[in-house]
N, C-alpha and C. Protein backbone atom coordinates (compact mmCIF):
# COMPACT_ATOMS: atom_id res chain seq x y z
N MET A 1 -20.48 23.03 6.01
CA MET A 1 -19.24 22.63 5.40
C MET A 1 -18.06 23.44 5.98
N SER A 2 -18.27 24.73 6.16
CA SER A 2 -17.18 25.56 6.71
C SER A 2 -16.85 25.13 8.14
N ARG A 3 -17.88 24.75 8.92
CA ARG A 3 -17.63 24.27 10.28
C ARG A 3 -16.75 23.03 10.26
N LEU A 4 -17.03 22.14 9.30
CA LEU A 4 -16.26 20.90 9.17
C LEU A 4 -14.82 21.20 8.80
N LEU A 5 -14.63 22.06 7.80
CA LEU A 5 -13.28 22.37 7.32
C LEU A 5 -12.47 23.15 8.35
N GLU A 6 -13.13 23.93 9.19
CA GLU A 6 -12.41 24.69 10.22
C GLU A 6 -12.16 23.84 11.46
N GLY A 7 -12.73 22.62 11.51
CA GLY A 7 -12.47 21.73 12.63
C GLY A 7 -13.36 21.93 13.82
N ARG A 8 -14.50 22.62 13.65
CA ARG A 8 -15.40 22.86 14.78
C ARG A 8 -16.54 21.86 14.84
N GLY A 9 -16.75 21.08 13.79
CA GLY A 9 -17.85 20.13 13.76
C GLY A 9 -17.50 18.85 14.50
N GLU A 10 -18.38 17.84 14.36
CA GLU A 10 -18.16 16.56 15.04
C GLU A 10 -16.89 15.87 14.55
N LEU A 11 -16.53 16.12 13.32
CA LEU A 11 -15.35 15.47 12.76
C LEU A 11 -14.07 16.27 12.98
N GLY A 12 -14.19 17.38 13.68
CA GLY A 12 -13.03 18.25 13.90
C GLY A 12 -11.87 17.54 14.57
N SER A 13 -12.16 16.79 15.62
CA SER A 13 -11.08 16.10 16.33
C SER A 13 -10.45 15.02 15.45
N LEU A 14 -11.26 14.37 14.64
CA LEU A 14 -10.74 13.35 13.72
C LEU A 14 -9.83 13.99 12.68
N MET A 15 -10.24 15.14 12.16
CA MET A 15 -9.42 15.83 11.16
C MET A 15 -8.12 16.33 11.78
N ARG A 16 -8.18 16.83 13.02
CA ARG A 16 -6.96 17.27 13.69
C ARG A 16 -6.00 16.09 13.91
N MET A 17 -6.56 14.94 14.31
CA MET A 17 -5.73 13.75 14.52
C MET A 17 -5.08 13.31 13.21
N ALA A 18 -5.84 13.32 12.12
CA ALA A 18 -5.28 12.93 10.82
C ALA A 18 -4.15 13.86 10.41
N THR A 19 -4.31 15.16 10.68
CA THR A 19 -3.27 16.13 10.36
C THR A 19 -2.02 15.88 11.20
N LEU A 20 -2.22 15.59 12.48
CA LEU A 20 -1.08 15.30 13.36
C LEU A 20 -0.34 14.04 12.92
N ILE A 21 -1.10 13.02 12.55
CA ILE A 21 -0.48 11.76 12.10
C ILE A 21 0.33 12.00 10.84
N GLU A 22 -0.21 12.79 9.93
CA GLU A 22 0.52 13.11 8.70
C GLU A 22 1.81 13.86 9.01
N ARG A 23 1.75 14.83 9.92
CA ARG A 23 2.95 15.57 10.32
C ARG A 23 3.98 14.65 10.94
N ALA A 24 3.52 13.77 11.81
CA ALA A 24 4.44 12.82 12.46
C ALA A 24 5.11 11.93 11.42
N GLN A 25 4.33 11.44 10.47
CA GLN A 25 4.89 10.55 9.44
C GLN A 25 5.96 11.27 8.63
N ARG A 26 5.66 12.49 8.20
CA ARG A 26 6.65 13.25 7.42
C ARG A 26 7.92 13.50 8.24
N HIS A 27 7.73 13.89 9.50
CA HIS A 27 8.87 14.20 10.37
C HIS A 27 9.74 12.96 10.62
N LEU A 28 9.09 11.84 10.92
CA LEU A 28 9.85 10.61 11.18
C LEU A 28 10.58 10.13 9.93
N ARG A 29 9.91 10.19 8.80
CA ARG A 29 10.56 9.77 7.56
C ARG A 29 11.78 10.62 7.25
N ASP A 30 11.72 11.92 7.58
CA ASP A 30 12.85 12.81 7.34
C ASP A 30 14.07 12.43 8.18
N HIS A 31 13.84 11.72 9.29
CA HIS A 31 14.94 11.36 10.19
C HIS A 31 15.34 9.89 10.10
N LEU A 32 14.89 9.22 9.06
CA LEU A 32 15.26 7.82 8.82
C LEU A 32 16.26 7.74 7.69
N PRO A 33 17.04 6.66 7.64
CA PRO A 33 17.90 6.45 6.47
C PRO A 33 17.04 6.38 5.20
N GLU A 34 17.61 6.83 4.12
CA GLU A 34 16.90 6.93 2.83
C GLU A 34 16.14 5.65 2.44
N GLU A 35 16.78 4.50 2.59
CA GLU A 35 16.17 3.24 2.13
C GLU A 35 14.96 2.82 2.97
N MET A 36 14.78 3.39 4.16
CA MET A 36 13.67 3.01 5.04
C MET A 36 12.46 3.92 4.90
N ARG A 37 12.63 5.09 4.37
CA ARG A 37 11.59 6.13 4.41
C ARG A 37 10.25 5.69 3.85
N GLU A 38 10.26 5.06 2.72
CA GLU A 38 8.98 4.70 2.09
C GLU A 38 8.32 3.49 2.74
N HIS A 39 8.97 2.90 3.70
CA HIS A 39 8.43 1.71 4.36
C HIS A 39 7.84 2.02 5.73
N LEU A 40 7.82 3.28 6.12
CA LEU A 40 7.29 3.67 7.42
C LEU A 40 5.96 4.40 7.27
N PHE A 41 4.97 3.97 8.03
CA PHE A 41 3.66 4.59 8.05
C PHE A 41 3.24 4.76 9.50
N VAL A 42 2.66 5.90 9.82
CA VAL A 42 2.13 6.12 11.17
C VAL A 42 0.67 5.70 11.14
N GLY A 43 0.32 4.77 12.03
CA GLY A 43 -1.03 4.21 12.02
C GLY A 43 -1.99 4.84 13.00
N GLY A 44 -1.50 5.51 14.03
CA GLY A 44 -2.40 6.12 15.01
C GLY A 44 -1.69 6.42 16.31
N TYR A 45 -2.46 6.93 17.25
CA TYR A 45 -1.93 7.33 18.54
C TYR A 45 -2.89 6.84 19.61
N HIS A 46 -2.35 6.14 20.62
CA HIS A 46 -3.20 5.62 21.68
C HIS A 46 -2.39 5.54 22.97
N GLN A 47 -2.90 6.20 24.02
CA GLN A 47 -2.30 6.17 25.35
C GLN A 47 -0.80 6.49 25.34
N GLY A 48 -0.46 7.57 24.64
CA GLY A 48 0.93 8.03 24.65
C GLY A 48 1.86 7.32 23.70
N ARG A 49 1.34 6.34 22.96
CA ARG A 49 2.19 5.58 22.04
C ARG A 49 1.72 5.79 20.61
N LEU A 50 2.68 6.01 19.74
CA LEU A 50 2.42 6.18 18.33
C LEU A 50 2.63 4.85 17.63
N ALA A 51 1.65 4.41 16.85
CA ALA A 51 1.77 3.13 16.12
C ALA A 51 2.54 3.37 14.83
N LEU A 52 3.64 2.65 14.68
CA LEU A 52 4.43 2.71 13.46
C LEU A 52 4.25 1.40 12.71
N ILE A 53 3.90 1.51 11.46
CA ILE A 53 3.62 0.33 10.63
C ILE A 53 4.65 0.27 9.52
N THR A 54 5.11 -0.93 9.26
CA THR A 54 6.03 -1.14 8.15
C THR A 54 5.55 -2.34 7.35
N ASP A 55 5.99 -2.45 6.11
CA ASP A 55 5.46 -3.50 5.24
C ASP A 55 6.24 -4.81 5.30
N ARG A 56 7.39 -4.83 5.96
CA ARG A 56 8.18 -6.06 6.05
C ARG A 56 8.87 -6.16 7.41
N ALA A 57 9.11 -7.38 7.82
CA ALA A 57 9.75 -7.63 9.12
C ALA A 57 11.17 -7.07 9.16
N VAL A 58 11.86 -7.07 8.04
CA VAL A 58 13.23 -6.56 8.02
C VAL A 58 13.26 -5.08 8.40
N TRP A 59 12.25 -4.31 7.96
CA TRP A 59 12.18 -2.89 8.31
C TRP A 59 11.78 -2.71 9.77
N LEU A 60 10.98 -3.63 10.29
CA LEU A 60 10.59 -3.58 11.70
C LEU A 60 11.82 -3.73 12.59
N THR A 61 12.69 -4.66 12.23
CA THR A 61 13.92 -4.86 12.99
C THR A 61 14.76 -3.59 12.98
N ARG A 62 14.88 -2.97 11.82
CA ARG A 62 15.66 -1.73 11.72
C ARG A 62 15.01 -0.61 12.52
N LEU A 63 13.66 -0.57 12.52
CA LEU A 63 12.95 0.46 13.30
C LEU A 63 13.19 0.29 14.79
N ARG A 64 13.30 -0.94 15.25
CA ARG A 64 13.58 -1.17 16.67
C ARG A 64 14.88 -0.48 17.09
N TYR A 65 15.87 -0.56 16.22
CA TYR A 65 17.16 0.08 16.53
C TYR A 65 17.06 1.61 16.46
N GLU A 66 16.16 2.11 15.63
CA GLU A 66 16.03 3.55 15.44
C GLU A 66 15.10 4.20 16.47
N GLN A 67 14.40 3.42 17.29
CA GLN A 67 13.39 3.96 18.21
C GLN A 67 13.88 5.10 19.10
N PRO A 68 14.98 4.95 19.81
CA PRO A 68 15.40 6.05 20.69
C PRO A 68 15.64 7.36 19.93
N HIS A 69 16.29 7.26 18.79
CA HIS A 69 16.58 8.43 17.97
C HIS A 69 15.27 9.06 17.47
N LEU A 70 14.35 8.22 16.96
CA LEU A 70 13.08 8.74 16.43
C LEU A 70 12.23 9.38 17.52
N LEU A 71 12.22 8.78 18.71
CA LEU A 71 11.44 9.33 19.81
C LEU A 71 11.98 10.71 20.21
N LYS A 72 13.28 10.82 20.26
CA LYS A 72 13.91 12.10 20.61
C LYS A 72 13.53 13.16 19.57
N GLN A 73 13.60 12.81 18.29
CA GLN A 73 13.26 13.74 17.22
C GLN A 73 11.78 14.12 17.26
N LEU A 74 10.93 13.15 17.52
CA LEU A 74 9.49 13.40 17.53
C LEU A 74 9.09 14.28 18.71
N ASN A 75 9.71 14.07 19.87
CA ASN A 75 9.39 14.87 21.05
C ASN A 75 9.76 16.35 20.87
N GLN A 76 10.64 16.65 19.96
CA GLN A 76 11.01 18.03 19.68
C GLN A 76 9.99 18.74 18.79
N LEU A 77 9.13 17.97 18.13
CA LEU A 77 8.11 18.52 17.24
C LEU A 77 6.94 19.03 18.08
N PRO A 78 6.51 20.28 17.90
CA PRO A 78 5.39 20.81 18.69
C PRO A 78 4.14 19.94 18.54
N GLY A 79 3.53 19.59 19.67
CA GLY A 79 2.34 18.76 19.69
C GLY A 79 2.62 17.30 19.96
N PHE A 80 3.90 16.92 19.96
CA PHE A 80 4.26 15.52 20.15
C PHE A 80 5.14 15.29 21.38
N GLU A 81 5.14 16.25 22.28
CA GLU A 81 5.95 16.14 23.49
C GLU A 81 5.48 15.00 24.39
N SER A 82 4.19 14.64 24.31
CA SER A 82 3.64 13.62 25.21
C SER A 82 3.80 12.19 24.69
N VAL A 83 4.37 12.01 23.52
CA VAL A 83 4.58 10.65 22.99
C VAL A 83 5.67 9.99 23.82
N THR A 84 5.34 8.83 24.39
CA THR A 84 6.28 8.15 25.28
C THR A 84 6.97 6.96 24.61
N GLY A 85 6.45 6.52 23.49
CA GLY A 85 7.05 5.37 22.82
C GLY A 85 6.29 5.01 21.56
N PHE A 86 6.69 3.89 20.98
CA PHE A 86 6.09 3.43 19.74
C PHE A 86 5.55 2.02 19.90
N THR A 87 4.51 1.74 19.16
CA THR A 87 4.02 0.37 18.99
C THR A 87 4.36 0.01 17.55
N LEU A 88 5.17 -1.02 17.37
CA LEU A 88 5.64 -1.39 16.03
C LEU A 88 4.83 -2.55 15.49
N LYS A 89 4.41 -2.45 14.23
CA LYS A 89 3.60 -3.49 13.60
C LYS A 89 4.07 -3.72 12.17
N VAL A 90 3.89 -4.94 11.71
CA VAL A 90 4.16 -5.26 10.31
C VAL A 90 2.83 -5.53 9.66
N ARG A 91 2.53 -4.79 8.63
CA ARG A 91 1.30 -4.97 7.87
C ARG A 91 1.61 -4.73 6.40
N PRO A 92 1.15 -5.60 5.52
CA PRO A 92 1.36 -5.31 4.10
C PRO A 92 0.60 -4.03 3.73
N VAL A 93 1.25 -3.18 3.01
CA VAL A 93 0.65 -1.92 2.60
C VAL A 93 0.39 -2.00 1.11
N ARG A 94 -0.81 -1.59 0.71
CA ARG A 94 -1.13 -1.62 -0.71
C ARG A 94 -0.24 -0.65 -1.47
N PRO A 95 0.21 -1.07 -2.65
CA PRO A 95 1.06 -0.17 -3.42
C PRO A 95 0.29 1.07 -3.85
N THR A 96 0.97 2.21 -3.89
CA THR A 96 0.31 3.44 -4.31
C THR A 96 0.05 3.46 -5.80
N GLN A 97 0.82 2.70 -6.55
CA GLN A 97 0.61 2.62 -7.99
C GLN A 97 0.23 1.19 -8.34
N PRO A 98 -0.74 1.02 -9.24
CA PRO A 98 -1.09 -0.35 -9.63
C PRO A 98 0.07 -0.96 -10.40
N PRO A 99 0.26 -2.28 -10.27
CA PRO A 99 1.35 -2.92 -11.00
C PRO A 99 1.14 -2.78 -12.52
N LEU A 100 2.24 -2.74 -13.23
CA LEU A 100 2.16 -2.63 -14.68
C LEU A 100 1.46 -3.84 -15.27
N ARG A 101 0.60 -3.58 -16.22
CA ARG A 101 -0.14 -4.67 -16.86
C ARG A 101 0.74 -5.29 -17.93
N GLN A 102 0.85 -6.60 -17.87
CA GLN A 102 1.65 -7.29 -18.87
C GLN A 102 0.74 -7.70 -20.03
N VAL A 103 1.12 -7.28 -21.20
CA VAL A 103 0.34 -7.61 -22.39
C VAL A 103 1.02 -8.79 -23.08
N ARG A 104 0.27 -9.81 -23.30
CA ARG A 104 0.80 -10.99 -23.99
C ARG A 104 0.18 -11.08 -25.38
N HIS A 105 0.95 -11.58 -26.31
CA HIS A 105 0.49 -11.67 -27.69
C HIS A 105 0.35 -13.15 -28.07
N LEU A 106 -0.75 -13.46 -28.73
CA LEU A 106 -1.02 -14.82 -29.17
C LEU A 106 -0.92 -14.85 -30.70
N PRO A 107 0.05 -15.56 -31.23
CA PRO A 107 0.19 -15.64 -32.69
C PRO A 107 -1.04 -16.30 -33.33
N GLU A 108 -1.30 -15.93 -34.56
CA GLU A 108 -2.48 -16.44 -35.28
C GLU A 108 -2.43 -17.96 -35.42
N LYS A 109 -1.26 -18.52 -35.68
CA LYS A 109 -1.13 -19.97 -35.84
C LYS A 109 -1.49 -20.69 -34.54
N ALA A 110 -1.04 -20.16 -33.40
CA ALA A 110 -1.35 -20.76 -32.11
C ALA A 110 -2.85 -20.70 -31.84
N ALA A 111 -3.49 -19.59 -32.23
CA ALA A 111 -4.93 -19.46 -32.03
C ALA A 111 -5.69 -20.48 -32.87
N ASP A 112 -5.20 -20.72 -34.08
CA ASP A 112 -5.85 -21.72 -34.94
C ASP A 112 -5.77 -23.12 -34.31
N GLU A 113 -4.61 -23.45 -33.73
CA GLU A 113 -4.44 -24.75 -33.08
C GLU A 113 -5.36 -24.87 -31.86
N ILE A 114 -5.49 -23.80 -31.11
CA ILE A 114 -6.38 -23.82 -29.94
C ILE A 114 -7.83 -23.98 -30.37
N SER A 115 -8.20 -23.33 -31.45
CA SER A 115 -9.57 -23.46 -31.97
C SER A 115 -9.86 -24.89 -32.40
N ILE A 116 -8.89 -25.53 -33.04
CA ILE A 116 -9.05 -26.94 -33.45
C ILE A 116 -9.24 -27.83 -32.23
N CYS A 117 -8.44 -27.57 -31.20
CA CYS A 117 -8.57 -28.33 -29.94
C CYS A 117 -9.95 -28.12 -29.33
N ALA A 118 -10.44 -26.89 -29.35
CA ALA A 118 -11.73 -26.56 -28.74
C ALA A 118 -12.86 -27.33 -29.42
N LYS A 119 -12.75 -27.58 -30.73
CA LYS A 119 -13.79 -28.31 -31.46
C LYS A 119 -13.89 -29.76 -30.99
N ASP A 120 -12.77 -30.33 -30.52
CA ASP A 120 -12.75 -31.73 -30.11
C ASP A 120 -13.04 -31.93 -28.62
N VAL A 121 -13.24 -30.84 -27.87
CA VAL A 121 -13.47 -30.94 -26.42
C VAL A 121 -14.96 -31.09 -26.13
N ASP A 122 -15.29 -32.04 -25.24
CA ASP A 122 -16.69 -32.27 -24.87
C ASP A 122 -17.14 -31.38 -23.71
N ASP A 123 -16.23 -31.04 -22.81
CA ASP A 123 -16.57 -30.23 -21.64
C ASP A 123 -16.92 -28.80 -22.07
N PRO A 124 -18.17 -28.34 -21.81
CA PRO A 124 -18.57 -27.01 -22.29
C PRO A 124 -17.77 -25.85 -21.67
N GLY A 125 -17.39 -25.96 -20.41
CA GLY A 125 -16.61 -24.90 -19.78
C GLY A 125 -15.23 -24.76 -20.39
N LEU A 126 -14.57 -25.90 -20.58
CA LEU A 126 -13.24 -25.90 -21.17
C LEU A 126 -13.30 -25.43 -22.63
N LYS A 127 -14.32 -25.89 -23.34
CA LYS A 127 -14.48 -25.49 -24.74
C LYS A 127 -14.65 -23.98 -24.84
N SER A 128 -15.47 -23.41 -23.97
CA SER A 128 -15.70 -21.97 -23.97
C SER A 128 -14.42 -21.20 -23.64
N ALA A 129 -13.66 -21.70 -22.67
CA ALA A 129 -12.40 -21.05 -22.28
C ALA A 129 -11.40 -21.07 -23.43
N LEU A 130 -11.30 -22.19 -24.11
CA LEU A 130 -10.38 -22.29 -25.24
C LEU A 130 -10.80 -21.35 -26.38
N GLU A 131 -12.09 -21.25 -26.63
CA GLU A 131 -12.57 -20.35 -27.68
C GLU A 131 -12.28 -18.88 -27.34
N ARG A 132 -12.45 -18.52 -26.06
CA ARG A 132 -12.13 -17.15 -25.65
C ARG A 132 -10.63 -16.87 -25.80
N LEU A 133 -9.82 -17.87 -25.44
CA LEU A 133 -8.38 -17.71 -25.58
C LEU A 133 -8.00 -17.53 -27.05
N ALA A 134 -8.55 -18.31 -27.92
CA ALA A 134 -8.24 -18.23 -29.35
C ALA A 134 -8.68 -16.88 -29.94
N ALA A 135 -9.71 -16.28 -29.35
CA ALA A 135 -10.20 -14.99 -29.85
C ALA A 135 -9.21 -13.86 -29.62
N HIS A 136 -8.21 -14.06 -28.78
CA HIS A 136 -7.22 -13.02 -28.49
C HIS A 136 -6.06 -13.00 -29.49
N ALA A 137 -6.16 -13.77 -30.52
CA ALA A 137 -5.04 -13.88 -31.47
C ALA A 137 -4.84 -12.58 -32.25
N GLU A 138 -3.62 -12.43 -32.71
CA GLU A 138 -3.28 -11.28 -33.57
C GLU A 138 -3.62 -11.68 -35.00
N ARG A 139 -4.74 -11.22 -35.45
CA ARG A 139 -5.18 -11.55 -36.82
C ARG A 139 -4.72 -10.47 -37.78
N LYS A 140 -4.21 -10.89 -38.93
CA LYS A 140 -3.77 -9.93 -39.95
C LYS A 140 -4.98 -9.47 -40.73
N PRO A 141 -5.06 -8.15 -41.03
CA PRO A 141 -6.22 -7.63 -41.77
C PRO A 141 -6.25 -8.09 -43.21
C-alpha cells in the first residue's frame, strides 16, 4: 500500500497523471472568466495536447477564443511546459449533486376516485398501477 501511495507501484504513473490533470484543471479554471469556470474539465493528455471538455457547445466556442491565453498560462506552470495545444470536446457532464426530488401530494378525494376507476378496469397492469397510485394518498388519521 505504501508503494502505491508513494507512486512507486504499477499505478504510480497513473496517479501522477491524475494529479497533473487535477493541477491543470485548477490552474486553467483560475484563469477563465467566472461564468465559465465550472464548465471546464481536463480530460487527459496525449501527444502534447491537453483535452479540455465542456458540457455545452456555447462554452466550447468561448474556450476557442480563450485558447492562446490559456496555453500561455498553462506553459508557465511547472510540468506543463511541453503542452503545445488543446483538444476541445463537448460532453455532457454528470451533475455533482443529484437533482432535488419533487414531492407531490395526492388528496384523499382524488385517491378515492382513482380507486373507483381501478375497480372498473379490466386490464390487470393498468388496474395495478391505478391501485398503487391511489395508495399514495394523504389519509387523515
